[in-house]
């Protein structure tokens, strides 16, 4: 644990390298993104993409979303953004 974790009496580090969905905070932008994701999933819109700068909470948002989804919904998270599309989707042409 870090110094501020001890100083503030936290039982866990909310700013650890690996995001923990229990620390999800629904800011205005995160709530809007979550609503858009849920809409796309619930209305079977196909692929839903989340883009944003590093450190803005994309992984945490998706982990939170996965906890909200029905067990029938398949959720895939690609943590390596440098993977070519053809490697993700078989031999599909890159767009």
PDB file of N, CA and C in Angstrom:
ATOM      1  N   UNK A   1       0.845  -1.175   0.000  1.00  0.00           N
ATOM      2  CA  UNK A   1       0.000   0.000   0.000  1.00  0.00           C
ATOM      3  C   UNK A   1       0.890   1.238   0.000  1.00  0.00           C
ATOM      4  N   UNK A   2       0.338   2.295  -0.544  1.00  0.00           N
ATOM      5  CA  UNK A   2       1.115   3.522  -0.652  1.00  0.00           C
ATOM      6  C   UNK A   2       0.928   4.406   0.572  1.00  0.00           C
ATOM      7  N   UNK A   3       1.732   5.455   0.653  1.00  0.00           N
ATOM      8  CA  UNK A   3       1.666   6.360   1.792  1.00  0.00           C
ATOM      9  C   UNK A   3       0.302   7.019   1.956  1.00  0.00           C
ATOM     10  N   UNK A   4      -0.291   7.495   0.849  1.00  0.00           N
ATOM     11  CA  UNK A   4      -1.592   8.151   0.978  1.00  0.00           C
ATOM     12  C   UNK A   4      -2.672   7.166   1.384  1.00  0.00           C
ATOM     13  N   UNK A   5      -2.514   5.887   0.987  1.00  0.00           N
ATOM     14  CA  UNK A   5      -3.481   4.857   1.370  1.00  0.00           C
ATOM     15  C   UNK A   5      -3.493   4.710   2.891  1.00  0.00           C
ATOM     16  N   UNK A   6      -2.312   4.668   3.469  1.00  0.00           N
ATOM     17  CA  UNK A   6      -2.206   4.590   4.929  1.00  0.00           C
ATOM     18  C   UNK A   6      -2.676   5.885   5.587  1.00  0.00           C
ATOM     19  N   UNK A   7      -2.268   7.025   5.001  1.00  0.00           N
ATOM     20  CA  UNK A   7      -2.606   8.322   5.574  1.00  0.00           C
ATOM     21  C   UNK A   7      -4.121   8.517   5.679  1.00  0.00           C
ATOM     22  N   UNK A   8      -4.846   8.154   4.597  1.00  0.00           N
ATOM     23  CA  UNK A   8      -6.298   8.333   4.579  1.00  0.00           C
ATOM     24  C   UNK A   8      -7.056   7.131   5.142  1.00  0.00           C
ATOM     25  N   UNK A   9      -6.343   6.090   5.539  1.00  0.00           N
ATOM     26  CA  UNK A   9      -6.984   4.934   6.155  1.00  0.00           C
ATOM     27  C   UNK A   9      -7.722   4.034   5.177  1.00  0.00           C
ATOM     28  N   UNK A  10      -7.313   4.058   3.908  1.00  0.00           N
ATOM     29  CA  UNK A  10      -7.945   3.182   2.932  1.00  0.00           C
ATOM     30  C   UNK A  10      -7.554   1.743   3.209  1.00  0.00           C
ATOM     31  N   UNK A  11      -8.465   0.820   2.958  1.00  0.00           N
ATOM     32  CA  UNK A  11      -8.151  -0.594   3.132  1.00  0.00           C
ATOM     33  C   UNK A  11      -7.547  -1.190   1.860  1.00  0.00           C
ATOM     34  N   UNK A  12      -7.658  -0.471   0.745  1.00  0.00           N
ATOM     35  CA  UNK A  12      -7.089  -0.916  -0.529  1.00  0.00           C
ATOM     36  C   UNK A  12      -6.667   0.319  -1.313  1.00  0.00           C
ATOM     37  N   UNK A  13      -5.793   0.126  -2.287  1.00  0.00           N
ATOM     38  CA  UNK A  13      -5.292   1.228  -3.104  1.00  0.00           C
ATOM     39  C   UNK A  13      -6.258   1.484  -4.260  1.00  0.00           C
ATOM     40  N   UNK A  14      -6.992   2.614  -4.244  1.00  0.00           N
ATOM     41  CA  UNK A  14      -7.945   2.879  -5.325  1.00  0.00           C
ATOM     42  C   UNK A  14      -7.262   3.274  -6.638  1.00  0.00           C
ATOM     43  N   UNK A  15      -5.949   3.515  -6.603  1.00  0.00           N
ATOM     44  CA  UNK A  15      -5.227   3.935  -7.802  1.00  0.00           C
ATOM     45  C   UNK A  15      -4.165   2.920  -8.213  1.00  0.00           C
ATOM     46  N   UNK A  16      -4.431   1.662  -7.963  1.00  0.00           N
ATOM     47  CA  UNK A  16      -3.497   0.601  -8.346  1.00  0.00           C
ATOM     48  C   UNK A  16      -3.401   0.527  -9.871  1.00  0.00           C
ATOM     49  N   UNK A  17      -2.350  -0.079 -10.365  1.00  0.00           N
ATOM     50  CA  UNK A  17      -2.154  -0.211 -11.810  1.00  0.00           C
ATOM     51  C   UNK A  17      -3.308  -0.984 -12.450  1.00  0.00           C
ATOM     52  N   UNK A  18      -3.709  -2.095 -11.845  1.00  0.00           N
ATOM     53  CA  UNK A  18      -4.835  -2.874 -12.360  1.00  0.00           C
ATOM     54  C   UNK A  18      -6.132  -2.293 -11.807  1.00  0.00           C
ATOM     55  N   UNK A  19      -7.026  -1.827 -12.686  1.00  0.00           N
ATOM     56  CA  UNK A  19      -8.283  -1.233 -12.218  1.00  0.00           C
ATOM     57  C   UNK A  19      -9.148  -2.237 -11.461  1.00  0.00           C
ATOM     58  N   UNK A  20      -9.831  -1.764 -10.442  1.00  0.00           N
ATOM     59  CA  UNK A  20     -10.733  -2.596  -9.652  1.00  0.00           C
ATOM     60  C   UNK A  20     -12.129  -1.985  -9.762  1.00  0.00           C
ATOM     61  N   UNK A  21     -13.100  -2.726 -10.343  1.00  0.00           N
ATOM     62  CA  UNK A  21     -14.441  -2.160 -10.555  1.00  0.00           C
ATOM     63  C   UNK A  21     -15.148  -1.707  -9.278  1.00  0.00           C
ATOM     64  N   UNK A  22     -14.695  -2.142  -8.121  1.00  0.00           N
ATOM     65  CA  UNK A  22     -15.359  -1.680  -6.895  1.00  0.00           C
ATOM     66  C   UNK A  22     -15.078  -0.199  -6.643  1.00  0.00           C
ATOM     67  N   UNK A  23     -14.085   0.371  -7.351  1.00  0.00           N
ATOM     68  CA  UNK A  23     -13.772   1.788  -7.206  1.00  0.00           C
ATOM     69  C   UNK A  23     -14.371   2.634  -8.323  1.00  0.00           C
ATOM     70  N   UNK A  24     -15.288   2.065  -9.105  1.00  0.00           N
ATOM     71  CA  UNK A  24     -15.908   2.818 -10.199  1.00  0.00           C
ATOM     72  C   UNK A  24     -16.668   4.018  -9.643  1.00  0.00           C
ATOM     73  N   UNK A  25     -16.397   5.192 -10.208  1.00  0.00           N
ATOM     74  CA  UNK A  25     -17.124   6.409  -9.844  1.00  0.00           C
ATOM     75  C   UNK A  25     -17.861   6.895 -11.082  1.00  0.00           C
ATOM     76  N   UNK A  26     -19.186   6.989 -11.024  1.00  0.00           N
ATOM     77  CA  UNK A  26     -19.966   7.365 -12.200  1.00  0.00           C
ATOM     78  C   UNK A  26     -19.943   8.877 -12.473  1.00  0.00           C
ATOM     79  N   UNK A  27     -18.814   9.359 -12.993  1.00  0.00           N
ATOM     80  CA  UNK A  27     -18.749  10.765 -13.388  1.00  0.00           C
ATOM     81  C   UNK A  27     -19.740  10.988 -14.526  1.00  0.00           C
ATOM     82  N   UNK A  28     -19.949  12.230 -14.919  1.00  0.00           N
ATOM     83  CA  UNK A  28     -20.894  12.526 -15.990  1.00  0.00           C
ATOM     84  C   UNK A  28     -20.481  11.827 -17.292  1.00  0.00           C
ATOM     85  N   UNK A  29     -19.203  11.916 -17.644  1.00  0.00           N
ATOM     86  CA  UNK A  29     -18.755  11.296 -18.902  1.00  0.00           C
ATOM     87  C   UNK A  29     -18.793   9.769 -18.824  1.00  0.00           C
ATOM     88  N   UNK A  30     -18.449   9.203 -17.664  1.00  0.00           N
ATOM     89  CA  UNK A  30     -18.510   7.749 -17.519  1.00  0.00           C
ATOM     90  C   UNK A  30     -19.957   7.255 -17.541  1.00  0.00           C
ATOM     91  N   UNK A  31     -20.862   8.006 -16.933  1.00  0.00           N
ATOM     92  CA  UNK A  31     -22.278   7.626 -16.944  1.00  0.00           C
ATOM     93  C   UNK A  31     -22.840   7.669 -18.360  1.00  0.00           C
ATOM     94  N   UNK A  32     -22.434   8.681 -19.128  1.00  0.00           N
ATOM     95  CA  UNK A  32     -22.892   8.793 -20.515  1.00  0.00           C
ATOM     96  C   UNK A  32     -22.343   7.638 -21.350  1.00  0.00           C
ATOM     97  N   UNK A  33     -21.077   7.309 -21.172  1.00  0.00           N
ATOM     98  CA  UNK A  33     -20.473   6.189 -21.899  1.00  0.00           C
ATOM     99  C   UNK A  33     -21.149   4.877 -21.507  1.00  0.00           C
ATOM    100  N   UNK A  34     -21.409   4.693 -20.225  1.00  0.00           N
ATOM    101  CA  UNK A  34     -22.067   3.478 -19.745  1.00  0.00           C
ATOM    102  C   UNK A  34     -23.471   3.359 -20.341  1.00  0.00           C
ATOM    103  N   UNK A  35     -24.203   4.459 -20.376  1.00  0.00           N
ATOM    104  CA  UNK A  35     -25.548   4.446 -20.960  1.00  0.00           C
ATOM    105  C   UNK A  35     -25.492   4.096 -22.447  1.00  0.00           C
ATOM    106  N   UNK A  36     -24.506   4.629 -23.160  1.00  0.00           N
ATOM    107  CA  UNK A  36     -24.354   4.330 -24.588  1.00  0.00           C
ATOM    108  C   UNK A  36     -24.016   2.861 -24.800  1.00  0.00           C
ATOM    109  N   UNK A  37     -23.140   2.327 -23.974  1.00  0.00           N
ATOM    110  CA  UNK A  37     -22.783   0.912 -24.070  1.00  0.00           C
ATOM    111  C   UNK A  37     -23.989   0.022 -23.798  1.00  0.00           C
ATOM    112  N   UNK A  38     -24.713   0.335 -22.733  1.00  0.00           N
ATOM    113  CA  UNK A  38     -25.901  -0.462 -22.398  1.00  0.00           C
ATOM    114  C   UNK A  38     -26.952  -0.378 -23.503  1.00  0.00           C
ATOM    115  N   UNK A  39     -27.121   0.797 -24.090  1.00  0.00           N
ATOM    116  CA  UNK A  39     -28.068   0.960 -25.200  1.00  0.00           C
ATOM    117  C   UNK A  39     -27.646   0.065 -26.373  1.00  0.00           C
ATOM    118  N   UNK A  40     -26.372   0.149 -26.747  1.00  0.00           N
ATOM    119  CA  UNK A  40     -25.883  -0.652 -27.865  1.00  0.00           C
ATOM    120  C   UNK A  40     -26.050  -2.142 -27.631  1.00  0.00           C
ATOM    121  N   UNK A  41     -25.812  -2.566 -26.417  1.00  0.00           N
ATOM    122  CA  UNK A  41     -25.943  -3.988 -26.085  1.00  0.00           C
ATOM    123  C   UNK A  41     -27.411  -4.404 -26.035  1.00  0.00           C
ATOM    124  N   UNK A  42     -28.221  -3.643 -25.330  1.00  0.00           N
ATOM    125  CA  UNK A  42     -29.634  -3.994 -25.171  1.00  0.00           C
ATOM    126  C   UNK A  42     -30.423  -3.932 -26.470  1.00  0.00           C
ATOM    127  N   UNK A  43     -29.958  -3.113 -27.419  1.00  0.00           N
ATOM    128  CA  UNK A  43     -30.640  -2.999 -28.708  1.00  0.00           C
ATOM    129  C   UNK A  43     -29.899  -3.736 -29.818  1.00  0.00           C
ATOM    130  N   UNK A  44     -28.972  -4.604 -29.412  1.00  0.00           N
ATOM    131  CA  UNK A  44     -28.247  -5.480 -30.346  1.00  0.00           C
ATOM    132  C   UNK A  44     -27.662  -4.712 -31.532  1.00  0.00           C
ATOM    133  N   UNK A  45     -26.908  -3.680 -31.224  1.00  0.00           N
ATOM    134  CA  UNK A  45     -26.308  -2.831 -32.249  1.00  0.00           C
ATOM    135  C   UNK A  45     -24.992  -3.383 -32.793  1.00  0.00           C
ATOM    136  N   UNK A  46     -24.556  -4.549 -32.325  1.00  0.00           N
ATOM    137  CA  UNK A  46     -23.310  -5.129 -32.807  1.00  0.00           C
ATOM    138  C   UNK A  46     -22.137  -4.676 -31.967  1.00  0.00           C
ATOM    139  N   UNK A  47     -21.025  -4.364 -32.615  1.00  0.00           N
ATOM    140  CA  UNK A  47     -19.841  -3.923 -31.888  1.00  0.00           C
ATOM    141  C   UNK A  47     -20.080  -2.566 -31.252  1.00  0.00           C
ATOM    142  N   UNK A  48     -19.588  -2.416 -30.055  1.00  0.00           N
ATOM    143  CA  UNK A  48     -19.630  -1.129 -29.366  1.00  0.00           C
ATOM    144  C   UNK A  48     -18.194  -0.819 -28.974  1.00  0.00           C
ATOM    145  N   UNK A  49     -17.742   0.369 -29.319  1.00  0.00           N
ATOM    146  CA  UNK A  49     -16.349   0.736 -29.135  1.00  0.00           C
ATOM    147  C   UNK A  49     -16.214   1.863 -28.129  1.00  0.00           C
ATOM    148  N   UNK A  50     -15.224   1.744 -27.256  1.00  0.00           N
ATOM    149  CA  UNK A  50     -14.918   2.806 -26.287  1.00  0.00           C
ATOM    150  C   UNK A  50     -13.521   3.312 -26.594  1.00  0.00           C
ATOM    151  N   UNK A  51     -13.416   4.595 -26.885  1.00  0.00           N
ATOM    152  CA  UNK A  51     -12.126   5.227 -27.164  1.00  0.00           C
ATOM    153  C   UNK A  51     -11.867   6.322 -26.150  1.00  0.00           C
ATOM    154  N   UNK A  52     -10.622   6.510 -25.809  1.00  0.00           N
ATOM    155  CA  UNK A  52     -10.276   7.590 -24.897  1.00  0.00           C
ATOM    156  C   UNK A  52      -8.788   7.575 -24.601  1.00  0.00           C
ATOM    157  N   UNK A  53      -8.314   8.661 -24.057  1.00  0.00           N
ATOM    158  CA  UNK A  53      -6.910   8.776 -23.691  1.00  0.00           C
ATOM    159  C   UNK A  53      -6.560   7.766 -22.601  1.00  0.00           C
ATOM    160  N   UNK A  54      -5.286   7.442 -22.518  1.00  0.00           N
ATOM    161  CA  UNK A  54      -4.809   6.536 -21.476  1.00  0.00           C
ATOM    162  C   UNK A  54      -5.112   7.119 -20.103  1.00  0.00           C
ATOM    163  N   UNK A  55      -5.583   6.263 -19.207  1.00  0.00           N
ATOM    164  CA  UNK A  55      -5.837   6.688 -17.835  1.00  0.00           C
ATOM    165  C   UNK A  55      -7.177   7.355 -17.592  1.00  0.00           C
ATOM    166  N   UNK A  56      -8.081   7.301 -18.570  1.00  0.00           N
ATOM    167  CA  UNK A  56      -9.379   7.957 -18.393  1.00  0.00           C
ATOM    168  C   UNK A  56     -10.457   7.041 -17.823  1.00  0.00           C
ATOM    169  N   UNK A  57     -10.129   5.758 -17.617  1.00  0.00           N
ATOM    170  CA  UNK A  57     -11.079   4.854 -16.973  1.00  0.00           C
ATOM    171  C   UNK A  57     -11.827   3.931 -17.901  1.00  0.00           C
ATOM    172  N   UNK A  58     -11.333   3.729 -19.119  1.00  0.00           N
ATOM    173  CA  UNK A  58     -12.017   2.849 -20.069  1.00  0.00           C
ATOM    174  C   UNK A  58     -12.096   1.413 -19.561  1.00  0.00           C
ATOM    175  N   UNK A  59     -10.973   0.886 -19.093  1.00  0.00           N
ATOM    176  CA  UNK A  59     -10.946  -0.499 -18.605  1.00  0.00           C
ATOM    177  C   UNK A  59     -11.859  -0.652 -17.394  1.00  0.00           C
ATOM    178  N   UNK A  60     -11.798   0.278 -16.491  1.00  0.00           N
ATOM    179  CA  UNK A  60     -12.646   0.237 -15.297  1.00  0.00           C
ATOM    180  C   UNK A  60     -14.125   0.303 -15.693  1.00  0.00           C
ATOM    181  N   UNK A  61     -14.449   1.149 -16.665  1.00  0.00           N
ATOM    182  CA  UNK A  61     -15.829   1.273 -17.154  1.00  0.00           C
ATOM    183  C   UNK A  61     -16.316  -0.057 -17.724  1.00  0.00           C
ATOM    184  N   UNK A  62     -15.489  -0.709 -18.543  1.00  0.00           N
ATOM    185  CA  UNK A  62     -15.886  -1.974 -19.152  1.00  0.00           C
ATOM    186  C   UNK A  62     -16.016  -3.069 -18.096  1.00  0.00           C
ATOM    187  N   UNK A  63     -15.122  -3.079 -17.128  1.00  0.00           N
ATOM    188  CA  UNK A  63     -15.220  -4.062 -16.049  1.00  0.00           C
ATOM    189  C   UNK A  63     -16.508  -3.842 -15.251  1.00  0.00           C
ATOM    190  N   UNK A  64     -16.862  -2.586 -15.006  1.00  0.00           N
ATOM    191  CA  UNK A  64     -18.113  -2.268 -14.303  1.00  0.00           C
ATOM    192  C   UNK A  64     -19.305  -2.727 -15.151  1.00  0.00           C
ATOM    193  N   UNK A  65     -19.260  -2.428 -16.431  1.00  0.00           N
ATOM    194  CA  UNK A  65     -20.326  -2.832 -17.349  1.00  0.00           C
ATOM    195  C   UNK A  65     -20.506  -4.347 -17.339  1.00  0.00           C
ATOM    196  N   UNK A  66     -19.406  -5.082 -17.383  1.00  0.00           N
ATOM    197  CA  UNK A  66     -19.477  -6.551 -17.412  1.00  0.00           C
ATOM    198  C   UNK A  66     -20.195  -7.096 -16.176  1.00  0.00           C
ATOM    199  N   UNK A  67     -20.032  -6.429 -15.049  1.00  0.00           N
ATOM    200  CA  UNK A  67     -20.717  -6.874 -13.825  1.00  0.00           C
ATOM    201  C   UNK A  67     -22.228  -6.614 -13.898  1.00  0.00           C
ATOM    202  N   UNK A  68     -22.635  -5.630 -14.704  1.00  0.00           N
ATOM    203  CA  UNK A  68     -24.049  -5.276 -14.817  1.00  0.00           C
ATOM    204  C   UNK A  68     -24.798  -6.150 -15.824  1.00  0.00           C
ATOM    205  N   UNK A  69     -24.072  -6.770 -16.741  1.00  0.00           N
ATOM    206  CA  UNK A  69     -24.705  -7.497 -17.836  1.00  0.00           C
ATOM    207  C   UNK A  69     -25.280  -8.835 -17.391  1.00  0.00           C
ATOM    208  N   UNK A  70     -26.321  -9.234 -18.095  1.00  0.00           N
ATOM    209  CA  UNK A  70     -26.909 -10.561 -17.914  1.00  0.00           C
ATOM    210  C   UNK A  70     -25.848 -11.597 -18.261  1.00  0.00           C
ATOM    211  N   UNK A  71     -25.877 -12.729 -17.625  1.00  0.00           N
ATOM    212  CA  UNK A  71     -24.868 -13.775 -17.854  1.00  0.00           C
ATOM    213  C   UNK A  71     -24.909 -14.297 -19.292  1.00  0.00           C
ATOM    214  N   UNK A  72     -26.016 -14.078 -20.007  1.00  0.00           N
ATOM    215  CA  UNK A  72     -26.139 -14.543 -21.390  1.00  0.00           C
ATOM    216  C   UNK A  72     -25.329 -13.674 -22.356  1.00  0.00           C
ATOM    217  N   UNK A  73     -25.016 -12.460 -21.952  1.00  0.00           N
ATOM    218  CA  UNK A  73     -24.290 -11.521 -22.810  1.00  0.00           C
ATOM    219  C   UNK A  73     -22.801 -11.855 -22.781  1.00  0.00           C
ATOM    220  N   UNK A  74     -22.217 -11.980 -23.956  1.00  0.00           N
ATOM    221  CA  UNK A  74     -20.784 -12.253 -24.076  1.00  0.00           C
ATOM    222  C   UNK A  74     -20.049 -10.920 -24.191  1.00  0.00           C
ATOM    223  N   UNK A  75     -19.094 -10.722 -23.332  1.00  0.00           N
ATOM    224  CA  UNK A  75     -18.321  -9.476 -23.310  1.00  0.00           C
ATOM    225  C   UNK A  75     -16.855  -9.820 -23.558  1.00  0.00           C
ATOM    226  N   UNK A  76     -16.241  -9.146 -24.528  1.00  0.00           N
ATOM    227  CA  UNK A  76     -14.835  -9.370 -24.846  1.00  0.00           C
ATOM    228  C   UNK A  76     -14.100  -8.053 -24.655  1.00  0.00           C
ATOM    229  N   UNK A  77     -12.998  -8.115 -23.951  1.00  0.00           N
ATOM    230  CA  UNK A  77     -12.181  -6.929 -23.696  1.00  0.00           C
ATOM    231  C   UNK A  77     -10.795  -7.160 -24.270  1.00  0.00           C
ATOM    232  N   UNK A  78     -10.399  -6.331 -25.233  1.00  0.00           N
ATOM    233  CA  UNK A  78      -9.061  -6.404 -25.816  1.00  0.00           C
ATOM    234  C   UNK A  78      -8.199  -5.363 -25.127  1.00  0.00           C
ATOM    235  N   UNK A  79      -7.238  -5.810 -24.360  1.00  0.00           N
ATOM    236  CA  UNK A  79      -6.371  -4.888 -23.643  1.00  0.00           C
ATOM    237  C   UNK A  79      -5.188  -4.435 -24.470  1.00  0.00           C
ATOM    238  N   UNK A  80      -4.909  -5.102 -25.579  1.00  0.00           N
ATOM    239  CA  UNK A  80      -3.811  -4.720 -26.463  1.00  0.00           C
ATOM    240  C   UNK A  80      -4.384  -4.022 -27.686  1.00  0.00           C
ATOM    241  N   UNK A  81      -4.271  -2.718 -27.742  1.00  0.00           N
ATOM    242  CA  UNK A  81      -4.859  -1.970 -28.851  1.00  0.00           C
ATOM    243  C   UNK A  81      -4.045  -2.075 -30.127  1.00  0.00           C
ATOM    244  N   UNK A  82      -2.861  -2.667 -30.090  1.00  0.00           N
ATOM    245  CA  UNK A  82      -2.017  -2.763 -31.272  1.00  0.00           C
ATOM    246  C   UNK A  82      -2.242  -4.057 -32.053  1.00  0.00           C
ATOM    247  N   UNK A  83      -3.226  -4.863 -31.656  1.00  0.00           N
ATOM    248  CA  UNK A  83      -3.517  -6.111 -32.356  1.00  0.00           C
ATOM    249  C   UNK A  83      -4.231  -5.774 -33.662  1.00  0.00           C
ATOM    250  N   UNK A  84      -3.714  -6.235 -34.819  1.00  0.00           N
ATOM    251  CA  UNK A  84      -4.389  -5.973 -36.090  1.00  0.00           C
ATOM    252  C   UNK A  84      -5.772  -6.631 -36.118  1.00  0.00           C
ATOM    253  N   UNK A  85      -6.716  -5.988 -36.771  1.00  0.00           N
ATOM    254  CA  UNK A  85      -8.088  -6.495 -36.858  1.00  0.00           C
ATOM    255  C   UNK A  85      -8.119  -7.915 -37.403  1.00  0.00           C
ATOM    256  N   UNK A  86      -7.282  -8.215 -38.409  1.00  0.00           N
ATOM    257  CA  UNK A  86      -7.305  -9.563 -38.997  1.00  0.00           C
ATOM    258  C   UNK A  86      -6.928 -10.629 -37.972  1.00  0.00           C
ATOM    259  N   UNK A  87      -6.150 -10.283 -36.948  1.00  0.00           N
ATOM    260  CA  UNK A  87      -5.799 -11.236 -35.897  1.00  0.00           C
ATOM    261  C   UNK A  87      -6.931 -11.382 -34.892  1.00  0.00           C
ATOM    262  N   UNK A  88      -7.757 -10.371 -34.761  1.00  0.00           N
ATOM    263  CA  UNK A  88      -8.887 -10.418 -33.833  1.00  0.00           C
ATOM    264  C   UNK A  88     -10.056 -11.152 -34.451  1.00  0.00           C
ATOM    265  N   UNK A  89     -10.357 -10.844 -35.694  1.00  0.00           N
ATOM    266  CA  UNK A  89     -11.547 -11.370 -36.361  1.00  0.00           C
ATOM    267  C   UNK A  89     -11.196 -12.392 -37.442  1.00  0.00           C
ATOM    268  N   UNK A  90     -10.231 -13.253 -37.183  1.00  0.00           N
ATOM    269  CA  UNK A  90      -9.866 -14.255 -38.172  1.00  0.00           C
ATOM    270  C   UNK A  90      -9.179 -13.618 -39.360  1.00  0.00           C
ATOM    271  N   UNK A  91      -9.667 -13.857 -40.557  1.00  0.00           N
ATOM    272  CA  UNK A  91      -9.078 -13.307 -41.767  1.00  0.00           C
ATOM    273  C   UNK A  91      -9.870 -12.144 -42.313  1.00  0.00           C
ATOM    274  N   UNK A  92     -10.619 -11.480 -41.473  1.00  0.00           N
ATOM    275  CA  UNK A  92     -11.393 -10.325 -41.916  1.00  0.00           C
ATOM    276  C   UNK A  92     -10.464  -9.224 -42.409  1.00  0.00           C
ATOM    277  N   UNK A  93     -10.828  -8.535 -43.492  1.00  0.00           N
ATOM    278  CA  UNK A  93      -9.977  -7.455 -43.989  1.00  0.00           C
ATOM    279  C   UNK A  93      -9.966  -6.284 -43.020  1.00  0.00           C
ATOM    280  N   UNK A  94      -8.818  -5.653 -42.890  1.00  0.00           N
ATOM    281  CA  UNK A  94      -8.706  -4.471 -42.026  1.00  0.00           C
ATOM    282  C   UNK A  94      -9.428  -3.311 -42.672  1.00  0.00           C
ATOM    283  N   UNK A  95     -10.097  -2.515 -41.866  1.00  0.00           N
ATOM    284  CA  UNK A  95     -10.811  -1.323 -42.355  1.00  0.00           C
ATOM    285  C   UNK A  95     -10.211  -0.078 -41.767  1.00  0.00           C
TER     286      UNK A  95
END
